[in-house]
Amino acid sequence: MPDEWVRDRPEPEAVGRPRRTMSRTERARANRNRRRRRHLTVLSVTVLLALVVGVVFLGSRVWHGMFGTPTDYQGDGVKDVVVQVHNGDSTTAIGKTLQDGGVVATSQAFVDAAAGNASISAIQPGFYKVRTEIPAANAVSRLADPQNRVGRLVIPEGRQLDDIADVKTSAVTKGVFSLIADATCVDLDGEKSCGVKADDLKNAATAADPSALAIPAWALDPVKALGDDHRRIEGLIAPGTWNIDPSATAPSILATLIGASATQYEQNGLLAAGNAENLSPYEVLIVASLVQRESKPQDFAKVARVIYNRLIAPDHRRLEFDSTVNYSLDRQEVATTDADRGRDTPWNTYVREGLPATPICAPGQPALAAAENPEPGDWLYFVTVDMQGGTLFTRDYQQHLANIEIARRNGVLDSAR
C-alpha cells in the first residue's frame, strides 16, 4: 500500500515566473554592497570600542581622584612611624622609602616637595620619626627637624659597659649599655616606647654566641676565654656617634655596633699596630683603654710607652694601675684601698702580671693612636703633680718617690706609678 501511495501522489507544480540567473553586473553590485555593509559594521564596532575605552578611562580617573590613591595626602596623618635613611640615599630613594612605609602617597610628590631644600640634600643617615599618610611637604619638614631624629647613640671616650659611681659625689655615669637603651626610646603617638633595656643588652653580651655578636677574628679567643662574663665585649664598641634601630633586638644592636667598630679600628691601623711591641691587635686595644683612663691627652703617648716598658721589664714589673682595680668594682676613685688592690680579678694589675683580661673602657682615637705609636723613652713611672694635670715621668724609682711628694704637697690625690 505505501508504494502505491507514492506512485499515485501528484508531482509538485512550479508557481510564478521561472528564476533567472544573475547577470555579471548584478553580481558585482551585490558584492560591493556586501563589502560596504561589512566595512560599516567594522567601523561601528571600532567606534563603539573607542567610546567604551574612553568612558572607562575617564571614569577611572574620576573614581581614583575621588576615592582611590591620591597624588598627595591631606591632613595631619594617622600614626607615628620610624623610617630609616641609609647612607648615600638620594631624594628619590628617600621618597621611595616613605612611599613604601605609607608616609607619602607617591615618591614623586616627596621629590617635588623637597626640590631646593638644603636640609633634605644634607640629611644624615639614621632613623627619623614621621607620620603615615601626611602631605609630602609635611614629610619634608619632619625629616628636616633634628627633633625627629631617633636612635642616635653618642658614646663618649672612656666609657665602660656598666654604669659607674663616683665614690666622693655618688654621681652615676651611664655606661654603654644604658646609653644604648636610652637611644632606643621613642615617643610614638604620645607614648614613650623603649626597644631594649640595659639588662637586655647585658644578658645578650653574656649569653649570645660570639658569631651572633659579630666579634672580629682578632678578638675571638680572648672573648671566648672570659666565658659568660658580659665584660668579654668591653672595648669592642668604639666611642663616637652611631645610628641604631630603636626596634631592633639586643643581640642585633650589639652585633651592629661591634661589627662597625671593628671595621673602624681596622681602618685606623689596629691590625698592624702590635708588631713593633710584639702584641696582638686586641692587646693594643687594651693598652689604649689603659692610656685613656690613666692620663690626659697631652700625655697619652708617654703613658703608652710606660706601659710597654713595664711589660718588657726583666723583673716582670706589674702595671699596678688603680683604674684596673676600679673597673670591676664599677666605680671611680682616685685612691684605692689595700683591700681593693688585693682583690683577685681578671683585671687587677696589682695582683696579676701583664695586661688586664679585656680593655677597661672604650678608648678614643687619640688613645688608640698613642698605643699604636708610643713616644720613645725609657720611663717606668709617672705621677700627676698638680690640679692642671701636669704629669712627671721618670725611670728612677727614687725620683718617682720625690715626684709623689710634690703631688702630695699640691693636694693631688692620684695614683703613683
Protein backbone atom coordinates (compact mmCIF):
# COMPACT_ATOMS: atom_id res chain seq x y z
CA MET A 1 0.00 0.00 0.00
CA PRO A 2 2.68 2.59 0.83
CA ASP A 3 4.29 2.00 -2.60
CA GLU A 4 1.05 2.61 -4.34
CA TRP A 5 0.51 5.79 -2.33
CA VAL A 6 3.84 7.10 -3.51
CA ARG A 7 3.08 6.24 -7.14
CA ASP A 8 -0.34 7.90 -7.04
CA ARG A 9 0.96 11.14 -5.34
CA PRO A 10 0.75 14.11 -7.76
CA GLU A 11 4.03 15.83 -8.83
CA PRO A 12 4.50 19.41 -7.48
CA GLU A 13 3.98 22.20 -9.93
CA ALA A 14 6.09 25.38 -10.27
CA VAL A 15 4.38 28.62 -9.25
CA GLY A 16 5.33 32.04 -10.69
CA ARG A 17 7.94 33.01 -13.22
CA PRO A 18 10.97 30.80 -13.59
CA ARG A 19 14.10 32.10 -11.62
CA ARG A 20 16.57 33.86 -13.86
CA THR A 21 20.38 33.57 -13.36
CA MET A 22 22.08 36.89 -12.05
CA SER A 23 24.00 38.83 -14.60
CA ARG A 24 27.65 39.77 -14.15
CA THR A 25 26.72 43.43 -13.37
CA GLU A 26 24.22 42.35 -10.74
CA ARG A 27 26.73 40.05 -9.08
CA ALA A 28 29.32 42.87 -8.94
CA ARG A 29 26.79 45.23 -7.44
CA ALA A 30 25.83 42.70 -4.81
CA ASN A 31 29.44 42.09 -3.87
CA ARG A 32 30.04 45.82 -3.47
CA ASN A 33 27.00 46.12 -1.23
CA ARG A 34 28.20 43.23 0.94
CA ARG A 35 31.68 44.78 1.30
CA ARG A 36 30.15 48.18 2.17
CA ARG A 37 27.97 46.63 4.84
CA ARG A 38 30.96 44.74 6.30
CA HIS A 39 33.12 47.92 6.41
CA LEU A 40 30.33 49.82 8.11
CA THR A 41 30.00 47.08 10.69
CA VAL A 42 33.75 47.07 11.49
CA LEU A 43 33.79 50.86 11.73
CA SER A 44 30.79 50.85 14.02
CA VAL A 45 32.40 48.29 16.32
CA THR A 46 35.68 50.26 16.39
CA VAL A 47 33.91 53.48 17.26
CA LEU A 48 31.94 51.72 19.94
CA LEU A 49 35.06 50.20 21.50
CA ALA A 50 36.80 53.58 21.47
CA LEU A 51 33.84 55.12 23.22
CA VAL A 52 33.79 52.36 25.83
CA VAL A 53 37.55 52.68 26.49
CA GLY A 54 37.26 56.46 26.76
CA VAL A 55 34.41 56.21 29.20
CA VAL A 56 36.25 53.62 31.31
CA PHE A 57 39.47 55.69 31.36
CA LEU A 58 37.68 58.89 32.25
CA GLY A 59 35.61 57.12 34.85
CA SER A 60 38.73 55.58 36.35
CA ARG A 61 40.42 58.96 36.61
CA VAL A 62 37.35 60.45 38.24
CA TRP A 63 36.97 57.45 40.56
CA HIS A 64 40.63 57.46 41.72
CA GLY A 65 40.56 61.19 42.07
CA MET A 66 37.55 60.95 44.36
CA PHE A 67 38.05 57.65 46.13
CA GLY A 68 41.32 55.96 45.08
CA THR A 69 45.05 56.57 45.66
CA PRO A 70 45.76 60.32 45.66
CA THR A 71 48.88 62.00 44.36
CA ASP A 72 49.36 63.59 47.81
CA TYR A 73 47.79 63.10 51.21
CA GLN A 74 45.99 65.77 53.18
CA GLY A 75 45.70 66.34 56.92
CA ASP A 76 47.84 65.52 59.95
CA GLY A 77 48.38 61.83 59.28
CA VAL A 78 47.29 58.65 61.01
CA LYS A 79 50.07 57.36 63.29
CA ASP A 80 53.75 57.84 64.16
CA VAL A 81 56.28 55.56 62.49
CA VAL A 82 60.08 55.36 62.28
CA VAL A 83 61.81 55.26 58.89
CA GLN A 84 65.48 54.82 58.02
CA VAL A 85 67.58 57.00 55.76
CA HIS A 86 70.52 54.95 54.51
CA ASN A 87 73.98 56.24 53.78
CA GLY A 88 74.08 57.58 50.21
CA ASP A 89 70.28 57.69 49.77
CA SER A 90 69.14 60.12 47.08
CA THR A 91 65.99 62.20 47.47
CA THR A 92 64.24 59.73 45.19
CA ALA A 93 65.39 56.81 47.34
CA ILE A 94 64.13 58.54 50.48
CA GLY A 95 60.83 59.20 48.74
CA LYS A 96 60.56 55.51 47.84
CA THR A 97 61.18 54.56 51.48
CA LEU A 98 58.47 56.97 52.59
CA GLN A 99 56.03 55.71 49.98
CA ASP A 100 56.67 52.07 50.93
CA GLY A 101 56.12 52.99 54.58
CA GLY A 102 52.79 54.64 53.86
CA VAL A 103 54.11 58.07 54.80
CA VAL A 104 53.59 59.85 51.45
CA ALA A 105 51.23 58.97 48.63
CA THR A 106 53.94 58.89 45.96
CA SER A 107 57.69 59.15 45.82
CA GLN A 108 57.40 61.85 43.17
CA ALA A 109 55.29 64.01 45.47
CA PHE A 110 58.12 63.93 48.02
CA VAL A 111 60.77 64.66 45.39
CA ASP A 112 58.76 67.66 44.19
CA ALA A 113 58.21 68.96 47.73
CA ALA A 114 61.91 68.53 48.61
CA ALA A 115 63.21 70.31 45.50
CA GLY A 116 65.64 73.04 46.52
CA ASN A 117 65.52 72.13 50.22
CA ALA A 118 69.09 72.19 51.51
CA SER A 119 68.16 70.30 54.68
CA ILE A 120 66.99 67.29 52.70
CA SER A 121 70.03 67.42 50.45
CA ALA A 122 72.26 67.30 53.53
CA ILE A 123 70.20 64.86 55.58
CA GLN A 124 72.28 62.47 57.65
CA PRO A 125 71.82 58.69 57.62
CA GLY A 126 69.78 57.49 60.55
CA PHE A 127 66.27 56.90 61.85
CA TYR A 128 63.53 59.51 61.81
CA LYS A 129 60.06 59.73 63.33
CA VAL A 130 57.33 60.74 60.88
CA ARG A 131 53.61 60.02 60.45
CA THR A 132 51.75 57.89 57.98
CA GLU A 133 49.58 59.49 55.27
CA ILE A 134 50.86 63.04 55.54
CA PRO A 135 51.36 65.63 52.77
CA ALA A 136 54.75 65.39 51.11
CA ALA A 137 55.64 68.92 52.27
CA ASN A 138 54.92 67.83 55.85
CA ALA A 139 57.23 64.82 55.43
CA VAL A 140 59.99 67.13 54.21
CA SER A 141 59.57 69.38 57.26
CA ARG A 142 59.63 66.44 59.67
CA LEU A 143 62.79 64.93 58.21
CA ALA A 144 64.49 68.32 58.29
CA ASP A 145 63.67 68.79 62.01
CA PRO A 146 66.52 67.44 64.22
CA GLN A 147 63.98 66.78 66.96
CA ASN A 148 62.53 63.96 64.89
CA ARG A 149 65.78 62.05 64.63
CA VAL A 150 65.71 58.93 66.83
CA GLY A 151 68.07 56.06 67.55
CA ARG A 152 71.04 58.43 67.76
CA LEU A 153 73.65 57.00 70.12
CA VAL A 154 76.58 59.02 71.42
CA ILE A 155 79.29 57.11 73.33
CA PRO A 156 81.90 59.39 74.93
CA GLU A 157 85.52 58.29 75.02
CA GLY A 158 86.45 56.30 78.09
CA ARG A 159 83.01 54.86 78.91
CA GLN A 160 82.77 51.27 80.08
CA LEU A 161 79.85 48.91 79.55
CA ASP A 162 78.38 49.26 83.05
CA ASP A 163 77.34 52.38 84.90
CA ILE A 164 79.97 53.65 87.35
CA ALA A 165 79.53 55.69 90.52
CA ASP A 166 81.86 58.38 91.81
CA VAL A 167 82.84 57.48 95.37
CA LYS A 168 83.02 61.10 96.53
CA THR A 169 79.98 62.62 94.87
CA SER A 170 77.80 59.50 94.35
CA ALA A 171 77.16 60.77 90.83
CA VAL A 172 76.46 57.97 88.37
CA THR A 173 77.98 57.97 84.91
CA LYS A 174 75.93 55.96 82.46
CA GLY A 175 77.73 53.11 80.80
CA VAL A 176 77.47 51.94 77.21
CA PHE A 177 74.56 49.59 77.94
CA SER A 178 72.48 52.38 79.50
CA LEU A 179 73.34 54.79 76.69
CA ILE A 180 72.21 52.24 74.10
CA ALA A 181 68.98 51.57 75.99
CA ASP A 182 68.23 55.30 76.15
CA ALA A 183 68.82 55.64 72.41
CA THR A 184 66.11 53.06 71.67
CA CYS A 185 63.43 55.12 73.42
CA VAL A 186 60.96 56.83 71.08
CA ASP A 187 57.78 58.80 71.76
CA LEU A 188 55.16 57.32 69.41
CA ASP A 189 51.67 58.85 69.43
CA GLY A 190 52.26 60.35 72.87
CA GLU A 191 53.58 57.16 74.49
CA LYS A 192 57.24 56.55 75.26
CA SER A 193 58.45 53.20 73.98
CA CYS A 194 61.95 51.77 74.57
CA GLY A 195 63.20 48.94 72.40
CA VAL A 196 65.60 47.35 74.89
CA LYS A 197 66.76 47.75 78.48
CA ALA A 198 70.32 47.80 79.78
CA ASP A 199 69.75 44.36 81.31
CA ASP A 200 68.65 43.00 77.92
CA LEU A 201 71.96 44.13 76.45
CA LYS A 202 73.91 42.74 79.38
CA ASN A 203 72.17 39.37 79.00
CA ALA A 204 72.89 39.32 75.27
CA ALA A 205 76.56 40.11 75.89
CA THR A 206 76.65 37.24 78.38
CA ALA A 207 74.75 34.51 76.56
CA ALA A 208 74.86 35.18 72.82
CA ASP A 209 77.25 33.20 70.67
CA PRO A 210 80.26 35.33 69.64
CA SER A 211 79.35 34.84 65.98
CA ALA A 212 75.91 36.34 66.66
CA LEU A 213 77.63 39.41 68.15
CA ALA A 214 79.95 39.94 65.14
CA ILE A 215 83.09 39.52 67.29
CA PRO A 216 86.10 40.10 64.99
CA ALA A 217 88.54 37.26 64.48
CA TRP A 218 91.35 39.11 66.28
CA ALA A 219 89.26 39.30 69.48
CA LEU A 220 87.57 35.91 69.31
CA ASP A 221 89.93 33.90 71.55
CA PRO A 222 90.05 36.44 74.41
CA VAL A 223 86.27 36.80 74.28
CA LYS A 224 85.76 33.04 74.49
CA ALA A 225 88.31 32.78 77.29
CA LEU A 226 86.21 35.01 79.54
CA GLY A 227 83.28 32.60 79.33
CA ASP A 228 79.87 34.02 80.18
CA ASP A 229 81.06 37.28 81.73
CA HIS A 230 79.32 40.16 79.94
CA ARG A 231 82.55 42.18 80.17
CA ARG A 232 84.02 39.96 77.47
CA ILE A 233 82.84 42.54 74.89
CA GLU A 234 84.32 45.52 76.75
CA GLY A 235 86.13 47.93 74.44
CA LEU A 236 84.76 46.30 71.28
CA ILE A 237 82.17 49.07 70.90
CA ALA A 238 84.06 52.19 69.91
CA PRO A 239 83.15 55.66 71.15
CA GLY A 240 81.51 58.04 68.71
CA THR A 241 78.10 58.72 67.22
CA TRP A 242 76.11 55.75 65.98
CA ASN A 243 72.68 55.16 64.49
CA ILE A 244 70.75 52.24 65.93
CA ASP A 245 67.35 50.87 65.02
CA PRO A 246 65.08 51.51 68.04
CA SER A 247 63.03 48.43 67.17
CA ALA A 248 65.99 46.01 66.88
CA THR A 249 66.75 43.24 69.37
CA ALA A 250 69.58 43.47 71.90
CA PRO A 251 71.84 40.95 70.11
CA SER A 252 71.22 42.69 66.78
CA ILE A 253 72.11 46.10 68.21
CA LEU A 254 75.31 44.79 69.79
CA ALA A 255 76.30 42.99 66.59
CA THR A 256 75.75 46.14 64.55
CA LEU A 257 77.88 48.25 66.89
CA ILE A 258 80.66 45.68 67.34
CA GLY A 259 80.88 44.97 63.62
CA ALA A 260 81.04 48.65 62.69
CA SER A 261 83.57 49.35 65.48
CA ALA A 262 85.83 46.52 64.34
CA THR A 263 85.83 47.95 60.83
CA GLN A 264 86.70 51.38 62.21
CA TYR A 265 89.53 50.01 64.36
CA GLU A 266 90.97 48.07 61.45
CA GLN A 267 90.80 51.03 59.09
CA ASN A 268 92.78 53.06 61.64
CA GLY A 269 95.65 50.56 61.65
CA LEU A 270 94.96 48.36 64.67
CA LEU A 271 95.80 45.09 62.92
CA ALA A 272 99.38 46.14 62.22
CA ALA A 273 99.96 48.22 65.35
CA GLY A 274 101.16 45.48 67.67
CA ASN A 275 104.01 44.27 65.52
CA ALA A 276 106.57 46.72 66.90
CA GLU A 277 105.73 45.85 70.51
CA ASN A 278 105.13 42.14 69.83
CA LEU A 279 101.48 42.40 70.82
CA SER A 280 98.23 41.30 69.23
CA PRO A 281 95.70 43.85 67.94
CA TYR A 282 93.47 43.02 70.92
CA GLU A 283 96.31 43.71 73.35
CA VAL A 284 96.95 47.07 71.71
CA LEU A 285 93.27 47.86 72.26
CA ILE A 286 93.72 47.01 75.95
CA VAL A 287 96.74 49.32 76.16
CA ALA A 288 94.72 52.11 74.55
CA SER A 289 91.99 51.68 77.18
CA LEU A 290 94.56 52.00 79.97
CA VAL A 291 96.03 55.10 78.35
CA GLN A 292 92.51 56.56 78.10
CA ARG A 293 91.78 56.05 81.79
CA GLU A 294 95.21 56.82 83.25
CA SER A 295 96.20 60.09 81.62
CA LYS A 296 95.36 63.32 79.86
CA PRO A 297 95.55 63.57 76.06
CA GLN A 298 98.81 65.51 76.15
CA ASP A 299 100.46 62.57 77.94
CA PHE A 300 98.85 59.68 76.07
CA ALA A 301 101.92 58.73 74.04
CA LYS A 302 104.24 58.85 77.08
CA VAL A 303 101.91 56.74 79.23
CA ALA A 304 101.68 54.21 76.40
CA ARG A 305 105.47 53.98 76.44
CA VAL A 306 105.47 53.46 80.25
CA ILE A 307 103.07 50.54 79.79
CA TYR A 308 105.18 48.91 77.11
CA ASN A 309 108.37 49.44 79.12
CA ARG A 310 106.85 47.77 82.16
CA LEU A 311 105.54 44.85 80.14
CA ILE A 312 109.05 44.02 78.88
CA ALA A 313 110.91 44.84 82.11
CA PRO A 314 113.21 41.93 83.09
CA ASP A 315 111.90 41.91 86.67
CA HIS A 316 108.33 41.22 85.43
CA ARG A 317 107.15 44.54 86.79
CA ARG A 318 103.38 44.73 87.28
CA LEU A 319 101.46 47.68 85.90
CA GLU A 320 99.71 48.44 89.23
CA PHE A 321 97.08 50.78 87.81
CA ASP A 322 94.22 51.80 90.10
CA SER A 323 91.98 52.09 87.06
CA THR A 324 92.14 48.30 86.71
CA VAL A 325 91.11 47.91 90.35
CA ASN A 326 88.15 50.25 89.98
CA TYR A 327 86.99 48.67 86.74
CA SER A 328 85.46 45.51 88.14
CA LEU A 329 84.03 47.46 91.09
CA ASP A 330 82.04 49.74 88.73
CA ARG A 331 83.24 52.85 90.46
CA GLN A 332 85.57 55.79 90.02
CA GLU A 333 88.03 56.56 92.79
CA VAL A 334 91.40 58.27 92.66
CA ALA A 335 92.96 56.39 95.58
CA THR A 336 92.17 52.71 96.07
CA THR A 337 92.44 50.83 99.36
CA ASP A 338 94.80 47.98 100.20
CA ALA A 339 91.80 45.65 100.32
CA ASP A 340 90.67 46.70 96.86
CA ARG A 341 94.15 46.31 95.43
CA GLY A 342 94.29 42.82 96.88
CA ARG A 343 91.16 41.61 95.06
CA ASP A 344 91.96 38.81 92.65
CA THR A 345 90.12 39.68 89.46
CA PRO A 346 90.99 39.19 85.78
CA TRP A 347 91.61 42.94 85.55
CA ASN A 348 93.52 43.86 88.73
CA THR A 349 97.07 44.68 87.63
CA TYR A 350 98.23 44.84 91.25
CA VAL A 351 97.58 41.10 91.53
CA ARG A 352 98.30 39.79 88.04
CA GLU A 353 101.22 40.42 85.74
CA GLY A 354 100.76 41.78 82.27
CA LEU A 355 97.65 43.34 80.83
CA PRO A 356 94.12 43.00 82.20
CA ALA A 357 91.89 40.37 80.58
CA THR A 358 89.97 42.91 78.49
CA PRO A 359 90.01 46.62 77.76
CA ILE A 360 88.64 48.58 80.70
CA CYS A 361 86.77 51.16 78.62
CA ALA A 362 86.07 52.31 75.10
CA PRO A 363 89.27 54.13 74.06
CA GLY A 364 89.04 57.09 71.73
CA GLN A 365 91.08 57.53 68.59
CA PRO A 366 93.78 59.71 70.26
CA ALA A 367 94.40 56.99 72.87
CA LEU A 368 94.47 54.36 70.15
CA ALA A 369 96.94 56.42 68.14
CA ALA A 370 99.18 56.71 71.21
CA ALA A 371 99.02 52.96 71.82
CA GLU A 372 99.85 52.31 68.18
CA ASN A 373 102.67 54.87 68.11
CA PRO A 374 104.05 55.42 71.64
CA GLU A 375 106.57 58.16 72.27
CA PRO A 376 110.17 56.92 72.51
CA GLY A 377 111.52 56.91 76.07
CA ASP A 378 112.73 54.76 78.96
CA TRP A 379 110.20 55.87 81.60
CA LEU A 380 108.82 53.38 84.09
CA TYR A 381 106.87 55.71 86.40
CA PHE A 382 104.56 58.70 86.16
CA VAL A 383 102.51 60.75 88.58
CA THR A 384 100.21 63.74 88.19
CA VAL A 385 101.51 66.55 90.38
CA ASP A 386 99.09 69.49 90.01
CA MET A 387 95.43 70.28 89.52
CA GLN A 388 96.04 71.26 85.90
CA GLY A 389 97.00 67.68 85.05
CA GLY A 390 100.75 68.23 84.92
CA THR A 391 102.50 64.84 84.99
CA LEU A 392 106.10 63.91 85.72
CA PHE A 393 107.78 60.87 84.14
CA THR A 394 110.93 59.11 85.24
CA ARG A 395 112.80 55.84 85.08
CA ASP A 396 114.38 56.22 88.51
CA TYR A 397 112.31 54.97 91.43
CA GLN A 398 113.82 57.41 93.95
CA GLN A 399 112.98 60.31 91.65
CA HIS A 400 109.49 58.89 91.38
CA LEU A 401 109.13 58.99 95.17
CA ALA A 402 110.22 62.63 95.12
CA ASN A 403 107.61 63.38 92.46
CA ILE A 404 104.98 61.75 94.66
CA GLU A 405 105.86 64.17 97.45
CA ILE A 406 105.31 67.07 95.04
CA ALA A 407 101.89 65.68 94.23
CA ARG A 408 101.04 65.39 97.94
CA ARG A 409 102.13 68.94 98.65
CA ASN A 410 99.91 70.17 95.84
CA GLY A 411 96.92 68.23 97.18
CA VAL A 412 96.68 65.93 94.18
CA LEU A 413 95.22 62.55 95.09
CA ASP A 414 96.30 60.43 92.20
CA SER A 415 97.92 57.04 91.86
CA ALA A 416 101.69 56.95 91.71
CA ARG A 417 103.50 54.79 89.18
